[in-house]
Amino acid sequence: MAIVGERGGGAPTESELIRRASRYGWGANVELLPDYWLLTWWAPR
């Protein structure tokens, strides 16, 4: 699954996005683009 969001003053940080996904045991990756962020995560097998 993936979520895209705008980067701005109120946007969560990269570490916060990963922490939110991994809190439930999911793997997560964040890519920071010039104006957007892309969070992808996956369930453990």
Protein backbone atom coordinates (compact mmCIF):
# COMPACT_ATOMS: atom_id res chain seq x y z
CA MET A 1 0.00 0.00 0.00
CA ALA A 2 1.20 3.55 -0.62
CA ILE A 3 0.22 7.05 0.45
CA VAL A 4 1.35 10.31 -1.17
CA GLY A 5 1.20 13.64 0.64
CA GLU A 6 2.39 17.20 0.18
CA ARG A 7 5.53 18.30 1.96
CA GLY A 8 4.82 21.39 3.98
CA GLY A 9 5.14 22.90 7.42
CA GLY A 10 2.55 20.56 8.98
CA ALA A 11 3.65 17.37 7.20
CA PRO A 12 4.97 14.52 9.36
CA THR A 13 8.69 13.86 9.28
CA GLU A 14 10.22 10.84 7.56
CA SER A 15 10.98 9.16 10.89
CA GLU A 16 7.43 9.79 12.16
CA LEU A 17 5.89 8.18 9.05
CA ILE A 18 8.09 5.09 9.41
CA ARG A 19 7.44 4.92 13.16
CA ARG A 20 3.66 4.99 12.56
CA ALA A 21 3.81 2.08 10.09
CA SER A 22 6.31 -0.01 12.04
CA ARG A 23 4.38 0.44 15.30
CA TYR A 24 2.13 -2.39 14.08
CA GLY A 25 4.95 -4.58 12.78
CA TRP A 26 4.70 -3.41 9.17
CA GLY A 27 7.73 -2.68 7.01
CA ALA A 28 7.89 0.89 5.72
CA ASN A 29 9.85 3.08 3.34
CA VAL A 30 9.61 6.84 2.75
CA GLU A 31 10.77 8.63 -0.38
CA LEU A 32 11.05 12.38 -0.12
CA LEU A 33 10.43 14.12 -3.45
CA PRO A 34 10.80 17.89 -4.05
CA ASP A 35 7.18 18.76 -3.14
CA TYR A 36 5.73 15.44 -1.98
CA TRP A 37 6.49 12.43 0.17
CA LEU A 38 5.64 8.82 -0.71
CA LEU A 39 5.12 6.28 2.07
CA THR A 40 4.99 2.61 1.08
CA TRP A 41 4.44 -0.15 3.58
CA TRP A 42 3.80 -3.87 3.63
CA ALA A 43 2.56 -6.48 6.06
CA PRO A 44 5.01 -9.00 7.48
CA ARG A 45 4.84 -12.50 6.06
